[in-house]
Amino acid sequence: MSTVSYGKFTIEIPVKVKLFIDGEEVPSSKGRTFTRENPARFDQTIAIIEEASTDDLNRAVDLAREVFDKDKYGWVMNYRQRVRVLYKTAEIIREEADRIAVTVALENGMPIRQARAHVLASAEIFEFYAGLADKVYGDSIVLSNGNVSLIFKEPVGVVAAVSPWNFPMTQAAEEDSAGSGCGLYRGLEASQLYPNECHGDLQGIG
């Protein structure tokens, strides 16, 4: 173990990143890991990440499907809960922005100032979709024969999302907050280059 310091924040490396399934950090079912190197110093390992197997993926999807079908936590029907959770996630990200920015700078290679802006932008995304979560309306259309067609908008189920390598935290925030705001349950596969950033998003909303 060694440490990396940016200003008042010090991070012990390598960081060990587990899988995040059903609100808990768990190891890979196959016991496999891979490493992430500092883009500024390729001889420095900054993270050891659990590698998800097909079994892990299937378990995550099956659990999400079960929770969705039973509306176990009231997520599907209770839009007020979704609003509160999304706003709370944004609040946590803002409170931890400086610490998360250090992780982004170390993992992504961004200058610390740009990294912090990146982190705060993801908080703004959660706030944006929190504001929309209680405004997903249906519609009614009067047809030519005088009948009325009613349109209901409702979540369709479990969605799998893949976060790209560029601006991974804001991209993950878009996928997480937009789907969550509509009542979907989602599985997120983070870019293997920047697993820590997306992991933080999931912990916030999970």
N, C-alpha and C. Protein backbone atom coordinates (compact mmCIF):
# COMPACT_ATOMS: atom_id res chain seq x y z
N MET A 1 0.84 -1.20 0.00
CA MET A 1 0.00 0.00 0.00
C MET A 1 0.88 1.25 0.00
N SER A 2 0.41 2.28 -0.70
CA SER A 2 1.08 3.57 -0.68
C SER A 2 -0.01 4.64 -0.68
N THR A 3 0.38 5.89 -0.61
CA THR A 3 -0.60 6.97 -0.56
C THR A 3 -0.31 8.00 -1.65
N VAL A 4 -1.39 8.65 -2.08
CA VAL A 4 -1.30 9.74 -3.04
C VAL A 4 -2.06 10.92 -2.43
N SER A 5 -1.45 12.10 -2.42
CA SER A 5 -2.07 13.27 -1.81
C SER A 5 -2.34 14.36 -2.83
N TYR A 6 -3.52 14.96 -2.73
CA TYR A 6 -3.89 16.15 -3.49
C TYR A 6 -4.44 17.14 -2.48
N GLY A 7 -3.72 18.19 -2.20
CA GLY A 7 -4.19 19.15 -1.20
C GLY A 7 -4.35 18.48 0.14
N LYS A 8 -5.52 18.62 0.75
CA LYS A 8 -5.75 18.05 2.08
C LYS A 8 -6.23 16.61 2.04
N PHE A 9 -6.42 16.06 0.85
CA PHE A 9 -6.94 14.70 0.74
C PHE A 9 -5.84 13.71 0.40
N THR A 10 -5.84 12.61 1.11
CA THR A 10 -4.87 11.54 0.87
C THR A 10 -5.63 10.24 0.62
N ILE A 11 -5.24 9.55 -0.43
CA ILE A 11 -5.88 8.29 -0.79
C ILE A 11 -4.87 7.16 -0.72
N GLU A 12 -5.26 6.09 -0.07
CA GLU A 12 -4.41 4.90 -0.04
C GLU A 12 -4.64 4.09 -1.31
N ILE A 13 -3.56 3.73 -1.97
CA ILE A 13 -3.68 2.93 -3.18
C ILE A 13 -2.85 1.65 -3.03
N PRO A 14 -3.23 0.59 -3.74
CA PRO A 14 -4.37 0.53 -4.66
C PRO A 14 -5.71 0.42 -3.93
N VAL A 15 -6.73 1.09 -4.49
CA VAL A 15 -8.09 0.99 -3.97
C VAL A 15 -8.69 -0.33 -4.43
N LYS A 16 -9.35 -1.02 -3.53
CA LYS A 16 -10.00 -2.28 -3.89
C LYS A 16 -11.47 -2.01 -4.19
N VAL A 17 -11.87 -2.31 -5.42
CA VAL A 17 -13.23 -2.03 -5.88
C VAL A 17 -13.98 -3.35 -6.08
N LYS A 18 -15.06 -3.51 -5.31
CA LYS A 18 -15.87 -4.71 -5.43
C LYS A 18 -17.07 -4.47 -6.35
N LEU A 19 -17.78 -5.53 -6.65
CA LEU A 19 -19.01 -5.41 -7.42
C LEU A 19 -20.09 -4.83 -6.50
N PHE A 20 -21.04 -4.14 -7.09
CA PHE A 20 -22.13 -3.53 -6.32
C PHE A 20 -23.45 -4.13 -6.80
N ILE A 21 -23.94 -5.11 -6.02
CA ILE A 21 -25.14 -5.85 -6.42
C ILE A 21 -26.15 -5.83 -5.28
N ASP A 22 -27.37 -5.46 -5.59
CA ASP A 22 -28.46 -5.43 -4.60
C ASP A 22 -28.09 -4.57 -3.39
N GLY A 23 -27.43 -3.44 -3.67
CA GLY A 23 -27.10 -2.49 -2.61
C GLY A 23 -25.93 -2.89 -1.74
N GLU A 24 -25.20 -3.94 -2.12
CA GLU A 24 -24.07 -4.40 -1.32
C GLU A 24 -22.83 -4.58 -2.18
N GLU A 25 -21.67 -4.35 -1.56
CA GLU A 25 -20.40 -4.62 -2.23
C GLU A 25 -20.06 -6.09 -2.06
N VAL A 26 -19.85 -6.78 -3.16
CA VAL A 26 -19.59 -8.22 -3.11
C VAL A 26 -18.41 -8.56 -4.01
N PRO A 27 -17.71 -9.67 -3.72
CA PRO A 27 -16.60 -10.09 -4.58
C PRO A 27 -17.11 -10.79 -5.83
N SER A 28 -16.23 -10.94 -6.80
CA SER A 28 -16.56 -11.68 -8.01
C SER A 28 -16.80 -13.15 -7.66
N SER A 29 -17.80 -13.75 -8.27
CA SER A 29 -18.09 -15.15 -8.00
C SER A 29 -16.98 -16.07 -8.49
N LYS A 30 -16.19 -15.60 -9.45
CA LYS A 30 -15.09 -16.39 -10.00
C LYS A 30 -13.76 -16.05 -9.35
N GLY A 31 -13.76 -15.04 -8.49
CA GLY A 31 -12.52 -14.66 -7.81
C GLY A 31 -11.51 -13.97 -8.71
N ARG A 32 -11.96 -13.43 -9.83
CA ARG A 32 -11.03 -12.78 -10.76
C ARG A 32 -10.98 -11.27 -10.51
N THR A 33 -9.81 -10.70 -10.72
CA THR A 33 -9.63 -9.25 -10.59
C THR A 33 -8.80 -8.74 -11.76
N PHE A 34 -8.85 -7.41 -11.97
CA PHE A 34 -7.94 -6.77 -12.91
C PHE A 34 -7.49 -5.46 -12.28
N THR A 35 -6.45 -4.88 -12.83
CA THR A 35 -5.87 -3.68 -12.23
C THR A 35 -6.03 -2.46 -13.13
N ARG A 36 -6.00 -1.31 -12.51
CA ARG A 36 -6.02 -0.03 -13.23
C ARG A 36 -4.77 0.74 -12.83
N GLU A 37 -4.02 1.20 -13.84
CA GLU A 37 -2.78 1.92 -13.59
C GLU A 37 -3.00 3.43 -13.68
N ASN A 38 -2.19 4.16 -12.97
CA ASN A 38 -2.20 5.62 -13.04
C ASN A 38 -1.81 6.04 -14.45
N PRO A 39 -2.65 6.80 -15.18
CA PRO A 39 -2.31 7.18 -16.55
C PRO A 39 -1.07 8.07 -16.64
N ALA A 40 -0.69 8.68 -15.52
CA ALA A 40 0.52 9.51 -15.50
C ALA A 40 1.75 8.70 -15.12
N ARG A 41 1.53 7.54 -14.49
CA ARG A 41 2.64 6.67 -14.07
C ARG A 41 2.19 5.23 -14.23
N PHE A 42 2.53 4.63 -15.33
CA PHE A 42 2.02 3.29 -15.62
C PHE A 42 2.61 2.22 -14.71
N ASP A 43 3.63 2.58 -13.93
CA ASP A 43 4.21 1.62 -12.99
C ASP A 43 3.48 1.65 -11.64
N GLN A 44 2.44 2.50 -11.53
CA GLN A 44 1.73 2.66 -10.27
C GLN A 44 0.29 2.13 -10.41
N THR A 45 0.00 1.05 -9.69
CA THR A 45 -1.35 0.49 -9.70
C THR A 45 -2.21 1.27 -8.72
N ILE A 46 -3.33 1.83 -9.20
CA ILE A 46 -4.16 2.64 -8.33
C ILE A 46 -5.44 1.93 -7.89
N ALA A 47 -5.79 0.83 -8.56
CA ALA A 47 -7.01 0.11 -8.18
C ALA A 47 -6.91 -1.35 -8.57
N ILE A 48 -7.49 -2.18 -7.72
CA ILE A 48 -7.67 -3.61 -8.02
C ILE A 48 -9.17 -3.85 -8.02
N ILE A 49 -9.70 -4.25 -9.16
CA ILE A 49 -11.14 -4.30 -9.36
C ILE A 49 -11.61 -5.75 -9.53
N GLU A 50 -12.69 -6.08 -8.83
CA GLU A 50 -13.30 -7.40 -9.01
C GLU A 50 -13.91 -7.48 -10.41
N GLU A 51 -13.65 -8.57 -11.09
CA GLU A 51 -14.14 -8.74 -12.46
C GLU A 51 -15.45 -9.53 -12.46
N ALA A 52 -16.51 -8.89 -12.92
CA ALA A 52 -17.82 -9.54 -12.93
C ALA A 52 -17.86 -10.68 -13.94
N SER A 53 -18.44 -11.78 -13.54
CA SER A 53 -18.63 -12.92 -14.43
C SER A 53 -20.05 -12.90 -14.99
N THR A 54 -20.32 -13.80 -15.91
CA THR A 54 -21.68 -13.92 -16.45
C THR A 54 -22.66 -14.27 -15.33
N ASP A 55 -22.21 -15.10 -14.39
CA ASP A 55 -23.06 -15.46 -13.25
C ASP A 55 -23.40 -14.22 -12.41
N ASP A 56 -22.41 -13.36 -12.20
CA ASP A 56 -22.64 -12.14 -11.43
C ASP A 56 -23.65 -11.24 -12.14
N LEU A 57 -23.48 -11.12 -13.45
CA LEU A 57 -24.40 -10.30 -14.24
C LEU A 57 -25.83 -10.85 -14.17
N ASN A 58 -25.95 -12.15 -14.36
CA ASN A 58 -27.29 -12.76 -14.32
C ASN A 58 -27.93 -12.60 -12.94
N ARG A 59 -27.12 -12.74 -11.90
CA ARG A 59 -27.65 -12.57 -10.54
C ARG A 59 -28.16 -11.16 -10.33
N ALA A 60 -27.38 -10.17 -10.79
CA ALA A 60 -27.78 -8.77 -10.63
C ALA A 60 -29.08 -8.48 -11.37
N VAL A 61 -29.19 -9.00 -12.59
CA VAL A 61 -30.40 -8.77 -13.40
C VAL A 61 -31.59 -9.48 -12.77
N ASP A 62 -31.41 -10.72 -12.32
CA ASP A 62 -32.51 -11.48 -11.71
C ASP A 62 -33.01 -10.80 -10.44
N LEU A 63 -32.09 -10.29 -9.62
CA LEU A 63 -32.49 -9.60 -8.40
C LEU A 63 -33.24 -8.31 -8.72
N ALA A 64 -32.72 -7.58 -9.70
CA ALA A 64 -33.39 -6.34 -10.10
C ALA A 64 -34.78 -6.62 -10.64
N ARG A 65 -34.91 -7.69 -11.41
CA ARG A 65 -36.22 -8.05 -11.97
C ARG A 65 -37.21 -8.42 -10.88
N GLU A 66 -36.73 -9.18 -9.91
CA GLU A 66 -37.60 -9.59 -8.80
C GLU A 66 -38.07 -8.38 -7.99
N VAL A 67 -37.13 -7.47 -7.71
CA VAL A 67 -37.47 -6.28 -6.94
C VAL A 67 -38.45 -5.41 -7.72
N PHE A 68 -38.23 -5.29 -9.03
CA PHE A 68 -39.13 -4.49 -9.87
C PHE A 68 -40.53 -5.10 -9.90
N ASP A 69 -40.62 -6.39 -10.16
CA ASP A 69 -41.92 -7.04 -10.28
C ASP A 69 -42.73 -6.94 -9.00
N LYS A 70 -42.08 -7.03 -7.86
CA LYS A 70 -42.78 -6.97 -6.57
C LYS A 70 -42.84 -5.55 -6.01
N ASP A 71 -42.19 -4.61 -6.71
CA ASP A 71 -42.08 -3.22 -6.22
C ASP A 71 -41.67 -3.24 -4.75
N LYS A 72 -40.59 -3.95 -4.47
CA LYS A 72 -40.17 -4.26 -3.10
C LYS A 72 -39.95 -3.02 -2.25
N TYR A 73 -39.38 -1.99 -2.85
CA TYR A 73 -39.06 -0.78 -2.08
C TYR A 73 -39.97 0.39 -2.43
N GLY A 74 -41.05 0.12 -3.15
CA GLY A 74 -41.96 1.19 -3.53
C GLY A 74 -41.39 2.12 -4.58
N TRP A 75 -40.33 1.68 -5.25
CA TRP A 75 -39.63 2.54 -6.21
C TRP A 75 -40.45 2.80 -7.47
N VAL A 76 -41.19 1.79 -7.90
CA VAL A 76 -41.92 1.89 -9.15
C VAL A 76 -43.11 2.85 -9.02
N MET A 77 -43.85 2.72 -7.94
CA MET A 77 -45.09 3.48 -7.80
C MET A 77 -44.92 4.80 -7.07
N ASN A 78 -43.94 4.90 -6.20
CA ASN A 78 -43.81 6.09 -5.36
C ASN A 78 -42.82 7.08 -5.97
N TYR A 79 -43.33 7.97 -6.80
CA TYR A 79 -42.45 8.93 -7.46
C TYR A 79 -41.83 9.91 -6.46
N ARG A 80 -42.51 10.18 -5.35
CA ARG A 80 -41.95 11.10 -4.35
C ARG A 80 -40.66 10.53 -3.74
N GLN A 81 -40.64 9.22 -3.58
CA GLN A 81 -39.43 8.57 -3.07
C GLN A 81 -38.28 8.73 -4.07
N ARG A 82 -38.59 8.57 -5.35
CA ARG A 82 -37.56 8.72 -6.37
C ARG A 82 -36.99 10.14 -6.37
N VAL A 83 -37.87 11.12 -6.21
CA VAL A 83 -37.42 12.52 -6.15
C VAL A 83 -36.46 12.71 -4.98
N ARG A 84 -36.84 12.21 -3.80
CA ARG A 84 -36.01 12.37 -2.60
C ARG A 84 -34.65 11.71 -2.77
N VAL A 85 -34.64 10.49 -3.33
CA VAL A 85 -33.39 9.76 -3.47
C VAL A 85 -32.45 10.44 -4.46
N LEU A 86 -32.99 10.91 -5.56
CA LEU A 86 -32.15 11.58 -6.56
C LEU A 86 -31.57 12.88 -6.02
N TYR A 87 -32.39 13.66 -5.31
CA TYR A 87 -31.87 14.89 -4.70
C TYR A 87 -30.82 14.56 -3.63
N LYS A 88 -31.06 13.51 -2.86
CA LYS A 88 -30.10 13.13 -1.82
C LYS A 88 -28.79 12.68 -2.44
N THR A 89 -28.86 11.96 -3.56
CA THR A 89 -27.64 11.53 -4.24
C THR A 89 -26.82 12.74 -4.69
N ALA A 90 -27.51 13.73 -5.26
CA ALA A 90 -26.82 14.96 -5.67
C ALA A 90 -26.19 15.65 -4.47
N GLU A 91 -26.90 15.66 -3.35
CA GLU A 91 -26.38 16.30 -2.14
C GLU A 91 -25.11 15.60 -1.65
N ILE A 92 -25.11 14.27 -1.66
CA ILE A 92 -23.93 13.51 -1.22
C ILE A 92 -22.75 13.77 -2.14
N ILE A 93 -23.00 13.78 -3.45
CA ILE A 93 -21.92 14.04 -4.41
C ILE A 93 -21.32 15.42 -4.17
N ARG A 94 -22.16 16.42 -3.91
CA ARG A 94 -21.65 17.78 -3.65
C ARG A 94 -20.82 17.82 -2.37
N GLU A 95 -21.31 17.13 -1.33
CA GLU A 95 -20.57 17.11 -0.06
C GLU A 95 -19.22 16.44 -0.21
N GLU A 96 -19.14 15.42 -1.07
CA GLU A 96 -17.90 14.66 -1.24
C GLU A 96 -17.13 15.06 -2.50
N ALA A 97 -17.48 16.20 -3.08
CA ALA A 97 -16.93 16.58 -4.38
C ALA A 97 -15.41 16.65 -4.39
N ASP A 98 -14.81 17.24 -3.36
CA ASP A 98 -13.35 17.38 -3.35
C ASP A 98 -12.67 16.02 -3.27
N ARG A 99 -13.21 15.14 -2.43
CA ARG A 99 -12.61 13.81 -2.31
C ARG A 99 -12.78 13.01 -3.60
N ILE A 100 -13.98 13.06 -4.18
CA ILE A 100 -14.22 12.32 -5.43
C ILE A 100 -13.35 12.87 -6.55
N ALA A 101 -13.16 14.19 -6.56
CA ALA A 101 -12.34 14.81 -7.60
C ALA A 101 -10.91 14.28 -7.58
N VAL A 102 -10.42 13.97 -6.39
CA VAL A 102 -9.07 13.39 -6.29
C VAL A 102 -9.04 12.03 -6.99
N THR A 103 -10.07 11.23 -6.76
CA THR A 103 -10.17 9.92 -7.42
C THR A 103 -10.24 10.09 -8.93
N VAL A 104 -11.04 11.04 -9.39
CA VAL A 104 -11.17 11.29 -10.83
C VAL A 104 -9.82 11.71 -11.42
N ALA A 105 -9.14 12.63 -10.76
CA ALA A 105 -7.84 13.10 -11.26
C ALA A 105 -6.83 11.97 -11.32
N LEU A 106 -6.84 11.13 -10.30
CA LEU A 106 -5.88 10.03 -10.24
C LEU A 106 -6.19 8.96 -11.27
N GLU A 107 -7.45 8.68 -11.46
CA GLU A 107 -7.88 7.59 -12.33
C GLU A 107 -7.97 8.01 -13.79
N ASN A 108 -8.40 9.26 -14.02
CA ASN A 108 -8.71 9.74 -15.36
C ASN A 108 -7.59 10.57 -15.96
N GLY A 109 -6.78 11.17 -15.09
CA GLY A 109 -5.71 12.03 -15.58
C GLY A 109 -6.11 13.47 -15.77
N MET A 110 -7.37 13.82 -15.37
CA MET A 110 -7.81 15.20 -15.49
C MET A 110 -7.06 16.09 -14.49
N PRO A 111 -6.84 17.36 -14.84
CA PRO A 111 -6.39 18.32 -13.82
C PRO A 111 -7.44 18.38 -12.71
N ILE A 112 -7.02 18.63 -11.49
CA ILE A 112 -7.92 18.56 -10.35
C ILE A 112 -9.09 19.54 -10.48
N ARG A 113 -8.84 20.73 -11.06
CA ARG A 113 -9.91 21.71 -11.22
C ARG A 113 -10.97 21.18 -12.18
N GLN A 114 -10.54 20.59 -13.29
CA GLN A 114 -11.49 20.02 -14.25
C GLN A 114 -12.21 18.82 -13.65
N ALA A 115 -11.50 18.03 -12.86
CA ALA A 115 -12.10 16.86 -12.23
C ALA A 115 -13.22 17.27 -11.28
N ARG A 116 -13.00 18.34 -10.52
CA ARG A 116 -14.03 18.80 -9.59
C ARG A 116 -15.26 19.29 -10.35
N ALA A 117 -15.04 20.00 -11.46
CA ALA A 117 -16.16 20.46 -12.28
C ALA A 117 -16.94 19.27 -12.84
N HIS A 118 -16.22 18.23 -13.20
CA HIS A 118 -16.83 17.00 -13.71
C HIS A 118 -17.73 16.36 -12.64
N VAL A 119 -17.24 16.33 -11.42
CA VAL A 119 -18.01 15.76 -10.31
C VAL A 119 -19.27 16.59 -10.04
N LEU A 120 -19.12 17.90 -9.99
CA LEU A 120 -20.27 18.76 -9.71
C LEU A 120 -21.30 18.70 -10.84
N ALA A 121 -20.82 18.49 -12.07
CA ALA A 121 -21.75 18.36 -13.19
C ALA A 121 -22.62 17.12 -13.03
N SER A 122 -22.07 16.06 -12.47
CA SER A 122 -22.87 14.85 -12.26
C SER A 122 -23.94 15.10 -11.20
N ALA A 123 -23.61 15.92 -10.18
CA ALA A 123 -24.62 16.28 -9.18
C ALA A 123 -25.76 17.06 -9.82
N GLU A 124 -25.41 17.97 -10.73
CA GLU A 124 -26.44 18.76 -11.42
C GLU A 124 -27.35 17.87 -12.26
N ILE A 125 -26.80 16.81 -12.83
CA ILE A 125 -27.60 15.89 -13.64
C ILE A 125 -28.62 15.17 -12.75
N PHE A 126 -28.19 14.73 -11.58
CA PHE A 126 -29.13 14.08 -10.66
C PHE A 126 -30.24 15.05 -10.24
N GLU A 127 -29.87 16.30 -10.00
CA GLU A 127 -30.87 17.30 -9.63
C GLU A 127 -31.86 17.57 -10.76
N PHE A 128 -31.35 17.59 -11.98
CA PHE A 128 -32.22 17.83 -13.13
C PHE A 128 -33.29 16.75 -13.24
N TYR A 129 -32.86 15.48 -13.16
CA TYR A 129 -33.83 14.40 -13.32
C TYR A 129 -34.69 14.21 -12.07
N ALA A 130 -34.19 14.64 -10.92
CA ALA A 130 -35.04 14.64 -9.72
C ALA A 130 -36.22 15.58 -9.94
N GLY A 131 -35.95 16.70 -10.60
CA GLY A 131 -37.02 17.66 -10.88
C GLY A 131 -38.03 17.17 -11.90
N LEU A 132 -37.64 16.17 -12.69
CA LEU A 132 -38.55 15.62 -13.70
C LEU A 132 -39.30 14.38 -13.22
N ALA A 133 -38.80 13.77 -12.13
CA ALA A 133 -39.32 12.47 -11.71
C ALA A 133 -40.81 12.49 -11.37
N ASP A 134 -41.32 13.64 -10.90
CA ASP A 134 -42.74 13.72 -10.57
C ASP A 134 -43.55 14.42 -11.67
N LYS A 135 -42.96 14.49 -12.85
CA LYS A 135 -43.65 15.17 -13.96
C LYS A 135 -43.73 14.29 -15.20
N VAL A 136 -43.73 12.99 -15.00
CA VAL A 136 -43.89 12.05 -16.10
C VAL A 136 -45.38 11.77 -16.25
N TYR A 137 -46.02 12.50 -17.16
CA TYR A 137 -47.47 12.44 -17.31
C TYR A 137 -47.88 11.55 -18.49
N GLY A 138 -49.09 11.04 -18.41
CA GLY A 138 -49.69 10.37 -19.54
C GLY A 138 -50.39 11.39 -20.44
N ASP A 139 -51.32 10.91 -21.27
CA ASP A 139 -52.00 11.82 -22.19
C ASP A 139 -53.36 11.23 -22.56
N SER A 140 -54.20 12.08 -23.04
CA SER A 140 -55.50 11.61 -23.56
C SER A 140 -55.74 12.26 -24.91
N ILE A 141 -56.20 11.45 -25.86
CA ILE A 141 -56.40 11.93 -27.23
C ILE A 141 -57.82 11.58 -27.67
N VAL A 142 -58.55 12.58 -28.15
CA VAL A 142 -59.89 12.34 -28.69
C VAL A 142 -59.74 11.89 -30.15
N LEU A 143 -60.22 10.68 -30.44
CA LEU A 143 -60.10 10.13 -31.77
C LEU A 143 -61.21 10.66 -32.68
N SER A 144 -61.08 10.43 -33.97
CA SER A 144 -62.05 10.95 -34.94
C SER A 144 -63.45 10.39 -34.76
N ASN A 145 -63.54 9.18 -34.16
CA ASN A 145 -64.86 8.57 -33.94
C ASN A 145 -65.48 8.97 -32.61
N GLY A 146 -64.80 9.88 -31.89
CA GLY A 146 -65.32 10.35 -30.62
C GLY A 146 -64.82 9.59 -29.41
N ASN A 147 -64.15 8.46 -29.64
CA ASN A 147 -63.56 7.72 -28.52
C ASN A 147 -62.36 8.48 -27.96
N VAL A 148 -62.04 8.18 -26.73
CA VAL A 148 -60.88 8.81 -26.08
C VAL A 148 -59.81 7.75 -25.86
N SER A 149 -58.62 8.02 -26.35
CA SER A 149 -57.48 7.13 -26.16
C SER A 149 -56.64 7.64 -25.00
N LEU A 150 -56.43 6.78 -24.01
CA LEU A 150 -55.62 7.14 -22.85
C LEU A 150 -54.23 6.54 -22.99
N ILE A 151 -53.20 7.35 -22.75
CA ILE A 151 -51.82 6.91 -22.84
C ILE A 151 -51.21 6.95 -21.44
N PHE A 152 -50.77 5.79 -20.98
CA PHE A 152 -50.13 5.69 -19.68
C PHE A 152 -48.63 5.48 -19.87
N LYS A 153 -47.84 6.25 -19.15
CA LYS A 153 -46.39 6.06 -19.17
C LYS A 153 -45.98 5.36 -17.88
N GLU A 154 -45.35 4.23 -18.03
CA GLU A 154 -44.95 3.47 -16.86
C GLU A 154 -43.61 2.79 -17.12
N PRO A 155 -42.83 2.50 -16.08
CA PRO A 155 -41.53 1.86 -16.27
C PRO A 155 -41.68 0.46 -16.87
N VAL A 156 -40.74 0.11 -17.73
CA VAL A 156 -40.85 -1.16 -18.45
C VAL A 156 -40.13 -2.31 -17.76
N GLY A 157 -39.23 -1.99 -16.82
CA GLY A 157 -38.54 -3.09 -16.15
C GLY A 157 -37.10 -2.77 -15.85
N VAL A 158 -36.23 -3.72 -16.14
CA VAL A 158 -34.81 -3.63 -15.83
C VAL A 158 -34.04 -3.18 -17.06
N VAL A 159 -33.16 -2.22 -16.88
CA VAL A 159 -32.38 -1.68 -17.99
C VAL A 159 -30.89 -1.87 -17.70
N ALA A 160 -30.16 -2.35 -18.69
CA ALA A 160 -28.71 -2.46 -18.56
C ALA A 160 -28.06 -1.26 -19.24
N ALA A 161 -27.13 -0.63 -18.55
CA ALA A 161 -26.45 0.55 -19.08
C ALA A 161 -24.95 0.33 -19.06
N VAL A 162 -24.28 0.82 -20.07
CA VAL A 162 -22.82 0.72 -20.16
C VAL A 162 -22.25 2.13 -20.20
N SER A 163 -21.38 2.42 -19.27
CA SER A 163 -20.78 3.75 -19.20
C SER A 163 -19.53 3.81 -20.07
N PRO A 164 -19.40 4.79 -20.95
CA PRO A 164 -18.23 4.89 -21.81
C PRO A 164 -17.01 5.40 -21.05
N TRP A 165 -15.87 5.40 -21.71
CA TRP A 165 -14.63 5.78 -21.03
C TRP A 165 -14.48 7.29 -20.86
N ASN A 166 -15.12 8.07 -21.77
CA ASN A 166 -14.92 9.52 -21.69
C ASN A 166 -15.98 10.14 -20.78
N PHE A 167 -15.56 10.94 -19.84
CA PHE A 167 -16.46 11.55 -18.84
C PHE A 167 -17.36 10.49 -18.20
N PRO A 168 -16.78 9.46 -17.62
CA PRO A 168 -17.57 8.32 -17.14
C PRO A 168 -18.55 8.66 -16.03
N MET A 169 -18.18 9.59 -15.12
CA MET A 169 -19.08 9.87 -14.00
C MET A 169 -20.34 10.60 -14.46
N THR A 170 -20.19 11.58 -15.34
CA THR A 170 -21.38 12.30 -15.82
C THR A 170 -22.22 11.39 -16.71
N GLN A 171 -21.58 10.54 -17.50
CA GLN A 171 -22.34 9.62 -18.34
C GLN A 171 -23.12 8.62 -17.49
N ALA A 172 -22.47 8.12 -16.44
CA ALA A 172 -23.16 7.21 -15.53
C ALA A 172 -24.30 7.92 -14.81
N ALA A 173 -24.09 9.18 -14.46
CA ALA A 173 -25.14 9.97 -13.81
C ALA A 173 -26.34 10.13 -14.73
N GLU A 174 -26.09 10.38 -16.01
CA GLU A 174 -27.19 10.49 -16.99
C GLU A 174 -28.00 9.20 -17.02
N GLU A 175 -27.29 8.08 -17.10
CA GLU A 175 -27.97 6.79 -17.23
C GLU A 175 -28.70 6.43 -15.95
N ASP A 176 -28.04 6.66 -14.81
CA ASP A 176 -28.64 6.33 -13.52
C ASP A 176 -29.86 7.19 -13.22
N SER A 177 -29.67 8.50 -13.32
CA SER A 177 -30.73 9.41 -12.85
C SER A 177 -31.94 9.43 -13.77
N ALA A 178 -31.71 9.37 -15.08
CA ALA A 178 -32.84 9.39 -16.01
C ALA A 178 -33.70 8.14 -15.85
N GLY A 179 -33.06 6.98 -15.82
CA GLY A 179 -33.82 5.74 -15.66
C GLY A 179 -34.46 5.62 -14.30
N SER A 180 -33.69 5.99 -13.26
CA SER A 180 -34.21 5.89 -11.90
C SER A 180 -35.38 6.84 -11.68
N GLY A 181 -35.29 8.03 -12.27
CA GLY A 181 -36.37 8.99 -12.12
C GLY A 181 -37.68 8.49 -12.70
N CYS A 182 -37.60 7.60 -13.68
CA CYS A 182 -38.82 7.03 -14.30
C CYS A 182 -39.26 5.73 -13.64
N GLY A 183 -38.53 5.31 -12.60
CA GLY A 183 -38.93 4.10 -11.87
C GLY A 183 -38.30 2.82 -12.37
N LEU A 184 -37.30 2.93 -13.24
CA LEU A 184 -36.64 1.73 -13.74
C LEU A 184 -35.61 1.22 -12.73
N TYR A 185 -35.35 -0.07 -12.78
CA TYR A 185 -34.20 -0.64 -12.09
C TYR A 185 -33.14 -0.87 -13.15
N ARG A 186 -31.89 -0.54 -12.82
CA ARG A 186 -30.87 -0.60 -13.85
C ARG A 186 -29.60 -1.25 -13.33
N GLY A 187 -28.94 -1.91 -14.27
CA GLY A 187 -27.61 -2.44 -14.00
C GLY A 187 -26.63 -1.61 -14.79
N LEU A 188 -25.55 -1.19 -14.15
CA LEU A 188 -24.56 -0.33 -14.81
C LEU A 188 -23.23 -1.05 -14.91
N GLU A 189 -22.72 -1.14 -16.12
CA GLU A 189 -21.36 -1.65 -16.31
C GLU A 189 -20.45 -0.45 -16.52
N ALA A 190 -19.57 -0.23 -15.57
CA ALA A 190 -18.65 0.91 -15.67
C ALA A 190 -17.54 0.60 -16.67
N SER A 191 -16.97 1.65 -17.23
CA SER A 191 -15.79 1.47 -18.06
C SER A 191 -14.69 0.86 -17.21
N GLN A 192 -13.99 -0.13 -17.75
CA GLN A 192 -12.92 -0.76 -16.98
C GLN A 192 -11.74 0.18 -16.75
N LEU A 193 -11.71 1.29 -17.50
CA LEU A 193 -10.66 2.27 -17.29
C LEU A 193 -10.93 3.15 -16.08
N TYR A 194 -12.22 3.39 -15.76
CA TYR A 194 -12.56 4.31 -14.68
C TYR A 194 -13.65 3.72 -13.79
N PRO A 195 -13.39 2.60 -13.15
CA PRO A 195 -14.44 1.95 -12.34
C PRO A 195 -14.80 2.71 -11.07
N ASN A 196 -13.84 3.42 -10.46
CA ASN A 196 -14.10 4.08 -9.18
C ASN A 196 -15.13 5.19 -9.30
N GLU A 197 -15.10 5.94 -10.40
CA GLU A 197 -16.02 7.07 -10.56
C GLU A 197 -17.46 6.59 -10.61
N CYS A 198 -17.73 5.57 -11.41
CA CYS A 198 -19.09 5.05 -11.52
C CYS A 198 -19.51 4.35 -10.24
N HIS A 199 -18.57 3.73 -9.57
CA HIS A 199 -18.85 3.04 -8.31
C HIS A 199 -19.41 4.04 -7.30
N GLY A 200 -18.87 5.24 -7.28
CA GLY A 200 -19.36 6.28 -6.38
C GLY A 200 -20.78 6.67 -6.68
N ASP A 201 -21.13 6.77 -7.96
CA ASP A 201 -22.50 7.09 -8.36
C ASP A 201 -23.46 6.03 -7.84
N LEU A 202 -23.08 4.77 -8.01
CA LEU A 202 -23.96 3.69 -7.63
C LEU A 202 -24.16 3.63 -6.12
N GLN A 203 -23.08 3.90 -5.36
CA GLN A 203 -23.22 3.90 -3.91
C GLN A 203 -24.17 5.00 -3.46
N GLY A 204 -24.11 6.13 -4.15
CA GLY A 204 -24.97 7.24 -3.78
C GLY A 204 -26.44 6.92 -3.97
N ILE A 205 -26.74 6.31 -5.10
CA ILE A 205 -28.15 6.04 -5.42
C ILE A 205 -28.60 4.68 -4.91
N GLY A 206 -27.64 3.80 -4.65
CA GLY A 206 -28.02 2.46 -4.20
C GLY A 206 -28.51 2.43 -2.78
